[in-house]
């Protein structure tokens, strides 16, 4: 699973994340300046049975990727109310 953006009519589709890690459940920051998403890209052993997902943020073009915090609970998705 990867994170994509597109226009409302689904034109101009762009994939923002790539690689073997899953990166999804993206949410826009109010005003559209950033995206936050859940990813296992920092999992030290993605092949074991313990999935470790964390919260990251980036610019809408995929640049300026930053680790935000460990995902506090299984099934929790990014929420801008708790992201600095």
Foldseek 3Di string as FASTA:
>chain_A
DFDWDAPPVRPPIDTQDDDDKDWDPWDADVVRQKIKIKIQPVPPDCPDPDGWIFIWMAGPNNPPIDTFGTDPDPPDIDDVVPTD
